[in-house]
Amino acid sequence: MAKEFVNSKLQPGKVVVFIKPTCPYCKKTHELLSRLPFKQGSLEFVDITATGDDASKIQDYLQELTGARTVPRVFIGKDCIGGCTDLLNMHQSGQLLTRLKQIGALE
């Protein structure tokens, strides 16, 4: 279930962030990405706590997939770029906008 759920969310041309709403790093990630000019439907925040008892299983699968089970887990297309700190570093270096343009996610 967790594997299918996560894999169904990941698509080329889309940014998907797996979050928990109470997590301060998730909130920071949300703030940063929400300021960027994404095309309609190119940015999705997935609240893993809304899946009921499966949040832990989703985090287990994220660990299997990315090497970490912490949230946020940020995917650009099907590639995990890491968490909040990784996203902030990419943004500061200019790499984030470059990657987002490459996948066609920005207006």
PDB file of N, CA and C in Angstrom:
ATOM      1  N   MET A   1       0.823  -1.198   0.000  1.00  0.00           N
ATOM      2  CA  MET A   1       0.000   0.000   0.000  1.00  0.00           C
ATOM      3  C   MET A   1       0.867   1.262   0.000  1.00  0.00           C
ATOM      4  N   ALA A   2       1.840   1.343   0.910  1.00  0.00           N
ATOM      5  CA  ALA A   2       2.688   2.534   1.010  1.00  0.00           C
ATOM      6  C   ALA A   2       3.478   2.741  -0.272  1.00  0.00           C
ATOM      7  N   LYS A   3       4.037   1.661  -0.810  1.00  0.00           N
ATOM      8  CA  LYS A   3       4.836   1.752  -2.035  1.00  0.00           C
ATOM      9  C   LYS A   3       3.985   2.272  -3.186  1.00  0.00           C
ATOM     10  N   GLU A   4       2.797   1.712  -3.362  1.00  0.00           N
ATOM     11  CA  GLU A   4       1.907   2.128  -4.437  1.00  0.00           C
ATOM     12  C   GLU A   4       1.477   3.576  -4.250  1.00  0.00           C
ATOM     13  N   PHE A   5       1.187   3.944  -3.003  1.00  0.00           N
ATOM     14  CA  PHE A   5       0.749   5.310  -2.707  1.00  0.00           C
ATOM     15  C   PHE A   5       1.831   6.319  -3.081  1.00  0.00           C
ATOM     16  N   VAL A   6       3.057   6.088  -2.604  1.00  0.00           N
ATOM     17  CA  VAL A   6       4.164   7.005  -2.885  1.00  0.00           C
ATOM     18  C   VAL A   6       4.445   7.047  -4.383  1.00  0.00           C
ATOM     19  N   ASN A   7       4.587   5.888  -5.002  1.00  0.00           N
ATOM     20  CA  ASN A   7       4.924   5.845  -6.428  1.00  0.00           C
ATOM     21  C   ASN A   7       3.855   6.487  -7.303  1.00  0.00           C
ATOM     22  N   SER A   8       2.586   6.421  -6.877  1.00  0.00           N
ATOM     23  CA  SER A   8       1.511   7.025  -7.670  1.00  0.00           C
ATOM     24  C   SER A   8       1.581   8.545  -7.662  1.00  0.00           C
ATOM     25  N   LYS A   9       2.237   9.103  -6.659  1.00  0.00           N
ATOM     26  CA  LYS A   9       2.351  10.563  -6.548  1.00  0.00           C
ATOM     27  C   LYS A   9       3.502  11.124  -7.387  1.00  0.00           C
ATOM     28  N   LEU A  10       4.549  10.317  -7.591  1.00  0.00           N
ATOM     29  CA  LEU A  10       5.755  10.804  -8.267  1.00  0.00           C
ATOM     30  C   LEU A  10       5.558  10.788  -9.780  1.00  0.00           C
ATOM     31  N   GLN A  11       5.733  11.962 -10.401  1.00  0.00           N
ATOM     32  CA  GLN A  11       5.558  12.081 -11.837  1.00  0.00           C
ATOM     33  C   GLN A  11       6.590  13.047 -12.405  1.00  0.00           C
ATOM     34  N   PRO A  12       7.039  12.791 -13.650  1.00  0.00           N
ATOM     35  CA  PRO A  12       7.925  13.747 -14.294  1.00  0.00           C
ATOM     36  C   PRO A  12       7.192  15.084 -14.442  1.00  0.00           C
ATOM     37  N   GLY A  13       7.895  16.175 -14.279  1.00  0.00           N
ATOM     38  CA  GLY A  13       7.275  17.484 -14.456  1.00  0.00           C
ATOM     39  C   GLY A  13       6.516  17.986 -13.242  1.00  0.00           C
ATOM     40  N   LYS A  14       6.655  17.280 -12.123  1.00  0.00           N
ATOM     41  CA  LYS A  14       5.914  17.653 -10.925  1.00  0.00           C
ATOM     42  C   LYS A  14       6.826  17.619  -9.702  1.00  0.00           C
ATOM     43  N   VAL A  15       6.561  18.514  -8.756  1.00  0.00           N
ATOM     44  CA  VAL A  15       7.274  18.502  -7.474  1.00  0.00           C
ATOM     45  C   VAL A  15       6.298  17.979  -6.424  1.00  0.00           C
ATOM     46  N   VAL A  16       6.736  16.954  -5.705  1.00  0.00           N
ATOM     47  CA  VAL A  16       5.906  16.357  -4.653  1.00  0.00           C
ATOM     48  C   VAL A  16       6.698  16.391  -3.354  1.00  0.00           C
ATOM     49  N   VAL A  17       6.028  16.847  -2.298  1.00  0.00           N
ATOM     50  CA  VAL A  17       6.663  16.925  -0.986  1.00  0.00           C
ATOM     51  C   VAL A  17       5.808  16.150   0.010  1.00  0.00           C
ATOM     52  N   PHE A  18       6.402  15.140   0.623  1.00  0.00           N
ATOM     53  CA  PHE A  18       5.725  14.364   1.662  1.00  0.00           C
ATOM     54  C   PHE A  18       5.966  15.067   2.990  1.00  0.00           C
ATOM     55  N   ILE A  19       4.870  15.408   3.688  1.00  0.00           N
ATOM     56  CA  ILE A  19       4.964  16.246   4.892  1.00  0.00           C
ATOM     57  C   ILE A  19       4.121  15.695   6.039  1.00  0.00           C
ATOM     58  N   LYS A  20       4.389  16.256   7.216  1.00  0.00           N
ATOM     59  CA  LYS A  20       3.510  16.160   8.381  1.00  0.00           C
ATOM     60  C   LYS A  20       3.213  17.615   8.743  1.00  0.00           C
ATOM     61  N   PRO A  21       1.942  17.987   8.905  1.00  0.00           N
ATOM     62  CA  PRO A  21       1.598  19.397   9.105  1.00  0.00           C
ATOM     63  C   PRO A  21       2.175  20.039  10.366  1.00  0.00           C
ATOM     64  N   THR A  22       2.529  19.243  11.355  1.00  0.00           N
ATOM     65  CA  THR A  22       3.063  19.810  12.600  1.00  0.00           C
ATOM     66  C   THR A  22       4.584  20.005  12.559  1.00  0.00           C
ATOM     67  N   CYS A  23       5.218  19.530  11.518  1.00  0.00           N
ATOM     68  CA  CYS A  23       6.683  19.577  11.420  1.00  0.00           C
ATOM     69  C   CYS A  23       7.165  20.971  10.990  1.00  0.00           C
ATOM     70  N   PRO A  24       8.045  21.610  11.785  1.00  0.00           N
ATOM     71  CA  PRO A  24       8.523  22.956  11.427  1.00  0.00           C
ATOM     72  C   PRO A  24       9.322  22.976  10.111  1.00  0.00           C
ATOM     73  N   TYR A  25      10.058  21.908   9.822  1.00  0.00           N
ATOM     74  CA  TYR A  25      10.813  21.852   8.566  1.00  0.00           C
ATOM     75  C   TYR A  25       9.868  21.725   7.372  1.00  0.00           C
ATOM     76  N   CYS A  26       8.764  21.025   7.571  1.00  0.00           N
ATOM     77  CA  CYS A  26       7.750  20.908   6.512  1.00  0.00           C
ATOM     78  C   CYS A  26       7.119  22.267   6.240  1.00  0.00           C
ATOM     79  N   LYS A  27       6.855  23.022   7.314  1.00  0.00           N
ATOM     80  CA  LYS A  27       6.267  24.356   7.162  1.00  0.00           C
ATOM     81  C   LYS A  27       7.220  25.281   6.408  1.00  0.00           C
ATOM     82  N   LYS A  28       8.501  25.206   6.734  1.00  0.00           N
ATOM     83  CA  LYS A  28       9.513  26.038   6.070  1.00  0.00           C
ATOM     84  C   LYS A  28       9.603  25.683   4.582  1.00  0.00           C
ATOM     85  N   THR A  29       9.564  24.393   4.282  1.00  0.00           N
ATOM     86  CA  THR A  29       9.591  23.911   2.900  1.00  0.00           C
ATOM     87  C   THR A  29       8.364  24.417   2.145  1.00  0.00           C
ATOM     88  N   HIS A  30       7.213  24.329   2.791  1.00  0.00           N
ATOM     89  CA  HIS A  30       5.953  24.790   2.188  1.00  0.00           C
ATOM     90  C   HIS A  30       6.032  26.286   1.869  1.00  0.00           C
ATOM     91  N   GLU A  31       6.560  27.074   2.826  1.00  0.00           N
ATOM     92  CA  GLU A  31       6.685  28.525   2.627  1.00  0.00           C
ATOM     93  C   GLU A  31       7.557  28.845   1.424  1.00  0.00           C
ATOM     94  N   LEU A  32       8.699  28.182   1.322  1.00  0.00           N
ATOM     95  CA  LEU A  32       9.623  28.454   0.214  1.00  0.00           C
ATOM     96  C   LEU A  32       8.993  28.092  -1.129  1.00  0.00           C
ATOM     97  N   LEU A  33       8.484  26.883  -1.239  1.00  0.00           N
ATOM     98  CA  LEU A  33       7.945  26.431  -2.523  1.00  0.00           C
ATOM     99  C   LEU A  33       6.682  27.199  -2.913  1.00  0.00           C
ATOM    100  N   SER A  34       5.899  27.633  -1.938  1.00  0.00           N
ATOM    101  CA  SER A  34       4.663  28.363  -2.225  1.00  0.00           C
ATOM    102  C   SER A  34       4.931  29.746  -2.810  1.00  0.00           C
ATOM    103  N   ARG A  35       6.134  30.260  -2.640  1.00  0.00           N
ATOM    104  CA  ARG A  35       6.493  31.577  -3.192  1.00  0.00           C
ATOM    105  C   ARG A  35       6.912  31.499  -4.663  1.00  0.00           C
ATOM    106  N   LEU A  36       7.118  30.291  -5.175  1.00  0.00           N
ATOM    107  CA  LEU A  36       7.592  30.132  -6.553  1.00  0.00           C
ATOM    108  C   LEU A  36       6.406  30.012  -7.520  1.00  0.00           C
ATOM    109  N   PRO A  37       6.607  30.460  -8.773  1.00  0.00           N
ATOM    110  CA  PRO A  37       5.500  30.488  -9.746  1.00  0.00           C
ATOM    111  C   PRO A  37       5.257  29.139 -10.426  1.00  0.00           C
ATOM    112  N   PHE A  38       4.748  28.177  -9.664  1.00  0.00           N
ATOM    113  CA  PHE A  38       4.474  26.854 -10.227  1.00  0.00           C
ATOM    114  C   PHE A  38       3.274  26.893 -11.157  1.00  0.00           C
ATOM    115  N   LYS A  39       3.314  26.073 -12.206  1.00  0.00           N
ATOM    116  CA  LYS A  39       2.148  25.867 -13.056  1.00  0.00           C
ATOM    117  C   LYS A  39       1.097  25.137 -12.229  1.00  0.00           C
ATOM    118  N   GLN A  40      -0.161  25.324 -12.592  1.00  0.00           N
ATOM    119  CA  GLN A  40      -1.266  24.632 -11.921  1.00  0.00           C
ATOM    120  C   GLN A  40      -1.011  23.120 -11.948  1.00  0.00           C
ATOM    121  N   GLY A  41      -1.071  22.486 -10.785  1.00  0.00           N
ATOM    122  CA  GLY A  41      -0.920  21.039 -10.707  1.00  0.00           C
ATOM    123  C   GLY A  41       0.515  20.528 -10.699  1.00  0.00           C
ATOM    124  N   SER A  42       1.505  21.429 -10.706  1.00  0.00           N
ATOM    125  CA  SER A  42       2.911  21.008 -10.743  1.00  0.00           C
ATOM    126  C   SER A  42       3.552  20.908  -9.366  1.00  0.00           C
ATOM    127  N   LEU A  43       2.813  21.285  -8.317  1.00  0.00           N
ATOM    128  CA  LEU A  43       3.332  21.215  -6.950  1.00  0.00           C
ATOM    129  C   LEU A  43       2.277  20.564  -6.075  1.00  0.00           C
ATOM    130  N   GLU A  44       2.690  19.528  -5.356  1.00  0.00           N
ATOM    131  CA  GLU A  44       1.744  18.843  -4.463  1.00  0.00           C
ATOM    132  C   GLU A  44       2.408  18.561  -3.124  1.00  0.00           C
ATOM    133  N   PHE A  45       1.707  18.923  -2.065  1.00  0.00           N
ATOM    134  CA  PHE A  45       2.123  18.575  -0.715  1.00  0.00           C
ATOM    135  C   PHE A  45       1.250  17.413  -0.269  1.00  0.00           C
ATOM    136  N   VAL A  46       1.875  16.309   0.151  1.00  0.00           N
ATOM    137  CA  VAL A  46       1.150  15.116   0.559  1.00  0.00           C
ATOM    138  C   VAL A  46       1.305  14.954   2.066  1.00  0.00           C
ATOM    139  N   ASP A  47       0.197  15.145   2.780  1.00  0.00           N
ATOM    140  CA  ASP A  47       0.181  15.001   4.240  1.00  0.00           C
ATOM    141  C   ASP A  47       0.089  13.510   4.562  1.00  0.00           C
ATOM    142  N   ILE A  48       1.200  12.935   4.999  1.00  0.00           N
ATOM    143  CA  ILE A  48       1.199  11.493   5.251  1.00  0.00           C
ATOM    144  C   ILE A  48       0.394  11.119   6.491  1.00  0.00           C
ATOM    145  N   THR A  49       0.091  12.082   7.369  1.00  0.00           N
ATOM    146  CA  THR A  49      -0.719  11.767   8.546  1.00  0.00           C
ATOM    147  C   THR A  49      -2.191  11.619   8.172  1.00  0.00           C
ATOM    148  N   ALA A  50      -2.586  12.111   7.008  1.00  0.00           N
ATOM    149  CA  ALA A  50      -3.978  11.998   6.555  1.00  0.00           C
ATOM    150  C   ALA A  50      -4.287  10.593   6.034  1.00  0.00           C
ATOM    151  N   THR A  51      -3.273   9.742   5.947  1.00  0.00           N
ATOM    152  CA  THR A  51      -3.466   8.386   5.435  1.00  0.00           C
ATOM    153  C   THR A  51      -3.814   7.412   6.562  1.00  0.00           C
ATOM    154  N   GLY A  52      -4.045   7.922   7.751  1.00  0.00           N
ATOM    155  CA  GLY A  52      -4.394   7.057   8.875  1.00  0.00           C
ATOM    156  C   GLY A  52      -3.170   6.385   9.464  1.00  0.00           C
ATOM    157  N   ASP A  53      -3.260   5.073   9.661  1.00  0.00           N
ATOM    158  CA  ASP A  53      -2.184   4.323  10.311  1.00  0.00           C
ATOM    159  C   ASP A  53      -1.000   4.061   9.389  1.00  0.00           C
ATOM    160  N   ASP A  54      -1.110   4.484   8.136  1.00  0.00           N
ATOM    161  CA  ASP A  54      -0.071   4.153   7.165  1.00  0.00           C
ATOM    162  C   ASP A  54       1.117   5.112   7.163  1.00  0.00           C
ATOM    163  N   ALA A  55       1.075   6.186   7.942  1.00  0.00           N
ATOM    164  CA  ALA A  55       2.163   7.172   7.930  1.00  0.00           C
ATOM    165  C   ALA A  55       3.518   6.514   8.201  1.00  0.00           C
ATOM    166  N   SER A  56       3.571   5.635   9.176  1.00  0.00           N
ATOM    167  CA  SER A  56       4.825   4.961   9.501  1.00  0.00           C
ATOM    168  C   SER A  56       5.296   4.071   8.349  1.00  0.00           C
ATOM    169  N   LYS A  57       4.355   3.374   7.704  1.00  0.00           N
ATOM    170  CA  LYS A  57       4.707   2.523   6.563  1.00  0.00           C
ATOM    171  C   LYS A  57       5.191   3.363   5.391  1.00  0.00           C
ATOM    172  N   ILE A  58       4.572   4.528   5.205  1.00  0.00           N
ATOM    173  CA  ILE A  58       5.014   5.438   4.141  1.00  0.00           C
ATOM    174  C   ILE A  58       6.438   5.904   4.432  1.00  0.00           C
ATOM    175  N   GLN A  59       6.710   6.260   5.684  1.00  0.00           N
ATOM    176  CA  GLN A  59       8.066   6.685   6.046  1.00  0.00           C
ATOM    177  C   GLN A  59       9.064   5.537   5.884  1.00  0.00           C
ATOM    178  N   ASP A  60       8.654   4.321   6.199  1.00  0.00           N
ATOM    179  CA  ASP A  60       9.537   3.165   5.982  1.00  0.00           C
ATOM    180  C   ASP A  60       9.873   3.029   4.501  1.00  0.00           C
ATOM    181  N   TYR A  61       8.864   3.183   3.635  1.00  0.00           N
ATOM    182  CA  TYR A  61       9.116   3.077   2.197  1.00  0.00           C
ATOM    183  C   TYR A  61       9.966   4.241   1.704  1.00  0.00           C
ATOM    184  N   LEU A  62       9.739   5.433   2.232  1.00  0.00           N
ATOM    185  CA  LEU A  62      10.578   6.581   1.841  1.00  0.00           C
ATOM    186  C   LEU A  62      12.035   6.323   2.207  1.00  0.00           C
ATOM    187  N   GLN A  63      12.257   5.662   3.356  1.00  0.00           N
ATOM    188  CA  GLN A  63      13.629   5.322   3.736  1.00  0.00           C
ATOM    189  C   GLN A  63      14.228   4.335   2.745  1.00  0.00           C
ATOM    190  N   GLU A  64      13.455   3.348   2.368  1.00  0.00           N
ATOM    191  CA  GLU A  64      13.911   2.359   1.392  1.00  0.00           C
ATOM    192  C   GLU A  64      14.247   3.037   0.054  1.00  0.00           C
ATOM    193  N   LEU A  65      13.411   4.003  -0.324  1.00  0.00           N
ATOM    194  CA  LEU A  65      13.547   4.679  -1.612  1.00  0.00           C
ATOM    195  C   LEU A  65      14.657   5.729  -1.623  1.00  0.00           C
ATOM    196  N   THR A  66      14.797   6.469  -0.498  1.00  0.00           N
ATOM    197  CA  THR A  66      15.676   7.646  -0.495  1.00  0.00           C
ATOM    198  C   THR A  66      16.819   7.589   0.504  1.00  0.00           C
ATOM    199  N   GLY A  67      16.778   6.609   1.424  1.00  0.00           N
ATOM    200  CA  GLY A  67      17.823   6.523   2.439  1.00  0.00           C
ATOM    201  C   GLY A  67      17.503   7.293   3.710  1.00  0.00           C
ATOM    202  N   ALA A  68      16.341   7.967   3.747  1.00  0.00           N
ATOM    203  CA  ALA A  68      15.931   8.691   4.958  1.00  0.00           C
ATOM    204  C   ALA A  68      14.416   8.587   5.108  1.00  0.00           C
ATOM    205  N   ARG A  69      13.979   8.508   6.358  1.00  0.00           N
ATOM    206  CA  ARG A  69      12.532   8.405   6.578  1.00  0.00           C
ATOM    207  C   ARG A  69      11.954   9.697   7.137  1.00  0.00           C
ATOM    208  N   THR A  70      12.803  10.700   7.307  1.00  0.00           N
ATOM    209  CA  THR A  70      12.336  11.977   7.845  1.00  0.00           C
ATOM    210  C   THR A  70      11.524  12.741   6.797  1.00  0.00           C
ATOM    211  N   VAL A  71      10.668  13.626   7.292  1.00  0.00           N
ATOM    212  CA  VAL A  71       9.933  14.532   6.417  1.00  0.00           C
ATOM    213  C   VAL A  71      10.399  15.956   6.717  1.00  0.00           C
ATOM    214  N   PRO A  72      10.330  16.833   5.746  1.00  0.00           N
ATOM    215  CA  PRO A  72       9.807  16.591   4.413  1.00  0.00           C
ATOM    216  C   PRO A  72      10.771  15.784   3.553  1.00  0.00           C
ATOM    217  N   ARG A  73      10.219  15.058   2.609  1.00  0.00           N
ATOM    218  CA  ARG A  73      10.973  14.401   1.526  1.00  0.00           C
ATOM    219  C   ARG A  73      10.522  15.112   0.259  1.00  0.00           C
ATOM    220  N   VAL A  74      11.456  15.760  -0.416  1.00  0.00           N
ATOM    221  CA  VAL A  74      11.146  16.577  -1.588  1.00  0.00           C
ATOM    222  C   VAL A  74      11.576  15.844  -2.851  1.00  0.00           C
ATOM    223  N   PHE A  75      10.628  15.657  -3.755  1.00  0.00           N
ATOM    224  CA  PHE A  75      10.896  15.012  -5.036  1.00  0.00           C
ATOM    225  C   PHE A  75      10.701  16.015  -6.159  1.00  0.00           C
ATOM    226  N   ILE A  76      11.704  16.130  -7.018  1.00  0.00           N
ATOM    227  CA  ILE A  76      11.574  16.905  -8.245  1.00  0.00           C
ATOM    228  C   ILE A  76      11.500  15.866  -9.349  1.00  0.00           C
ATOM    229  N   GLY A  77      10.325  15.758  -9.956  1.00  0.00           N
ATOM    230  CA  GLY A  77      10.086  14.635 -10.845  1.00  0.00           C
ATOM    231  C   GLY A  77      10.118  13.374 -10.007  1.00  0.00           C
ATOM    232  N   LYS A  78      10.885  12.390 -10.436  1.00  0.00           N
ATOM    233  CA  LYS A  78      10.972  11.144  -9.659  1.00  0.00           C
ATOM    234  C   LYS A  78      12.240  11.095  -8.806  1.00  0.00           C
ATOM    235  N   ASP A  79      13.003  12.206  -8.791  1.00  0.00           N
ATOM    236  CA  ASP A  79      14.258  12.263  -8.040  1.00  0.00           C
ATOM    237  C   ASP A  79      14.058  12.932  -6.685  1.00  0.00           C
ATOM    238  N   CYS A  80      14.471  12.249  -5.631  1.00  0.00           N
ATOM    239  CA  CYS A  80      14.429  12.858  -4.301  1.00  0.00           C
ATOM    240  C   CYS A  80      15.654  13.736  -4.141  1.00  0.00           C
ATOM    241  N   ILE A  81      15.431  15.015  -3.805  1.00  0.00           N
ATOM    242  CA  ILE A  81      16.562  15.921  -3.597  1.00  0.00           C
ATOM    243  C   ILE A  81      16.887  16.038  -2.114  1.00  0.00           C
ATOM    244  N   GLY A  82      16.088  15.397  -1.258  1.00  0.00           N
ATOM    245  CA  GLY A  82      16.362  15.402   0.167  1.00  0.00           C
ATOM    246  C   GLY A  82      15.250  16.069   0.950  1.00  0.00           C
ATOM    247  N   GLY A  83      15.656  16.806   1.993  1.00  0.00           N
ATOM    248  CA  GLY A  83      14.695  17.452   2.878  1.00  0.00           C
ATOM    249  C   GLY A  83      14.789  18.961   2.817  1.00  0.00           C
ATOM    250  N   CYS A  84      14.386  19.609   3.885  1.00  0.00           N
ATOM    251  CA  CYS A  84      14.314  21.062   3.957  1.00  0.00           C
ATOM    252  C   CYS A  84      15.675  21.723   3.742  1.00  0.00           C
ATOM    253  N   THR A  85      16.693  21.255   4.438  1.00  0.00           N
ATOM    254  CA  THR A  85      18.026  21.862   4.315  1.00  0.00           C
ATOM    255  C   THR A  85      18.562  21.715   2.897  1.00  0.00           C
ATOM    256  N   ASP A  86      18.343  20.550   2.296  1.00  0.00           N
ATOM    257  CA  ASP A  86      18.794  20.324   0.919  1.00  0.00           C
ATOM    258  C   ASP A  86      18.079  21.274  -0.035  1.00  0.00           C
ATOM    259  N   LEU A  87      16.778  21.458   0.184  1.00  0.00           N
ATOM    260  CA  LEU A  87      15.991  22.358  -0.654  1.00  0.00           C
ATOM    261  C   LEU A  87      16.478  23.796  -0.508  1.00  0.00           C
ATOM    262  N   LEU A  88      16.716  24.232   0.721  1.00  0.00           N
ATOM    263  CA  LEU A  88      17.206  25.595   0.961  1.00  0.00           C
ATOM    264  C   LEU A  88      18.567  25.810   0.307  1.00  0.00           C
ATOM    265  N   ASN A  89      19.446  24.809   0.418  1.00  0.00           N
ATOM    266  CA  ASN A  89      20.774  24.920  -0.211  1.00  0.00           C
ATOM    267  C   ASN A  89      20.660  25.014  -1.725  1.00  0.00           C
ATOM    268  N   MET A  90      19.778  24.208  -2.311  1.00  0.00           N
ATOM    269  CA  MET A  90      19.565  24.263  -3.763  1.00  0.00           C
ATOM    270  C   MET A  90      19.026  25.621  -4.185  1.00  0.00           C
ATOM    271  N   HIS A  91      18.123  26.160  -3.371  1.00  0.00           N
ATOM    272  CA  HIS A  91      17.526  27.461  -3.686  1.00  0.00           C
ATOM    273  C   HIS A  91      18.594  28.560  -3.631  1.00  0.00           C
ATOM    274  N   GLN A  92      19.419  28.542  -2.576  1.00  0.00           N
ATOM    275  CA  GLN A  92      20.447  29.567  -2.409  1.00  0.00           C
ATOM    276  C   GLN A  92      21.493  29.506  -3.513  1.00  0.00           C
ATOM    277  N   SER A  93      21.782  28.324  -4.029  1.00  0.00           N
ATOM    278  CA  SER A  93      22.797  28.189  -5.069  1.00  0.00           C
ATOM    279  C   SER A  93      22.239  28.444  -6.473  1.00  0.00           C
ATOM    280  N   GLY A  94      20.904  28.573  -6.576  1.00  0.00           N
ATOM    281  CA  GLY A  94      20.286  28.784  -7.879  1.00  0.00           C
ATOM    282  C   GLY A  94      19.927  27.488  -8.590  1.00  0.00           C
ATOM    283  N   GLN A  95      20.326  26.355  -8.028  1.00  0.00           N
ATOM    284  CA  GLN A  95      20.060  25.061  -8.668  1.00  0.00           C
ATOM    285  C   GLN A  95      18.581  24.708  -8.681  1.00  0.00           C
ATOM    286  N   LEU A  96      17.840  25.173  -7.660  1.00  0.00           N
ATOM    287  CA  LEU A  96      16.428  24.810  -7.558  1.00  0.00           C
ATOM    288  C   LEU A  96      15.640  25.331  -8.758  1.00  0.00           C
ATOM    289  N   LEU A  97      15.775  26.620  -9.047  1.00  0.00           N
ATOM    290  CA  LEU A  97      15.036  27.187 -10.177  1.00  0.00           C
ATOM    291  C   LEU A  97      15.450  26.531 -11.488  1.00  0.00           C
ATOM    292  N   THR A  98      16.729  26.237 -11.628  1.00  0.00           N
ATOM    293  CA  THR A  98      17.212  25.557 -12.842  1.00  0.00           C
ATOM    294  C   THR A  98      16.527  24.212 -13.004  1.00  0.00           C
ATOM    295  N   ARG A  99      16.495  23.415 -11.938  1.00  0.00           N
ATOM    296  CA  ARG A  99      15.851  22.090 -12.000  1.00  0.00           C
ATOM    297  C   ARG A  99      14.360  22.195 -12.285  1.00  0.00           C
ATOM    298  N   LEU A 100      13.698  23.176 -11.658  1.00  0.00           N
ATOM    299  CA  LEU A 100      12.266  23.336 -11.848  1.00  0.00           C
ATOM    300  C   LEU A 100      11.946  23.754 -13.289  1.00  0.00           C
ATOM    301  N   LYS A 101      12.807  24.579 -13.857  1.00  0.00           N
ATOM    302  CA  LYS A 101      12.629  24.960 -15.262  1.00  0.00           C
ATOM    303  C   LYS A 101      12.869  23.774 -16.178  1.00  0.00           C
ATOM    304  N   GLN A 102      13.874  22.955 -15.854  1.00  0.00           N
ATOM    305  CA  GLN A 102      14.189  21.781 -16.676  1.00  0.00           C
ATOM    306  C   GLN A 102      13.029  20.812 -16.774  1.00  0.00           C
ATOM    307  N   ILE A 103      12.269  20.657 -15.691  1.00  0.00           N
ATOM    308  CA  ILE A 103      11.149  19.711 -15.736  1.00  0.00           C
ATOM    309  C   ILE A 103       9.850  20.393 -16.175  1.00  0.00           C
ATOM    310  N   GLY A 104       9.908  21.696 -16.424  1.00  0.00           N
ATOM    311  CA  GLY A 104       8.721  22.417 -16.909  1.00  0.00           C
ATOM    312  C   GLY A 104       7.666  22.680 -15.865  1.00  0.00           C
ATOM    313  N   ALA A 105       8.078  22.807 -14.601  1.00  0.00           N
ATOM    314  CA  ALA A 105       7.109  22.984 -13.511  1.00  0.00           C
ATOM    315  C   ALA A 105       6.727  24.443 -13.257  1.00  0.00           C
ATOM    316  N   LEU A 106       7.499  25.374 -13.810  1.00  0.00           N
ATOM    317  CA  LEU A 106       7.242  26.793 -13.530  1.00  0.00           C
ATOM    318  C   LEU A 106       6.490  27.463 -14.670  1.00  0.00           C
ATOM    319  N   GLU A 107       5.773  28.527 -14.322  1.00  0.00           N
ATOM    320  CA  GLU A 107       5.062  29.306 -15.341  1.00  0.00           C
ATOM    321  C   GLU A 107       6.036  30.155 -16.129  1.00  0.00           C
TER     322      GLU A 107
END
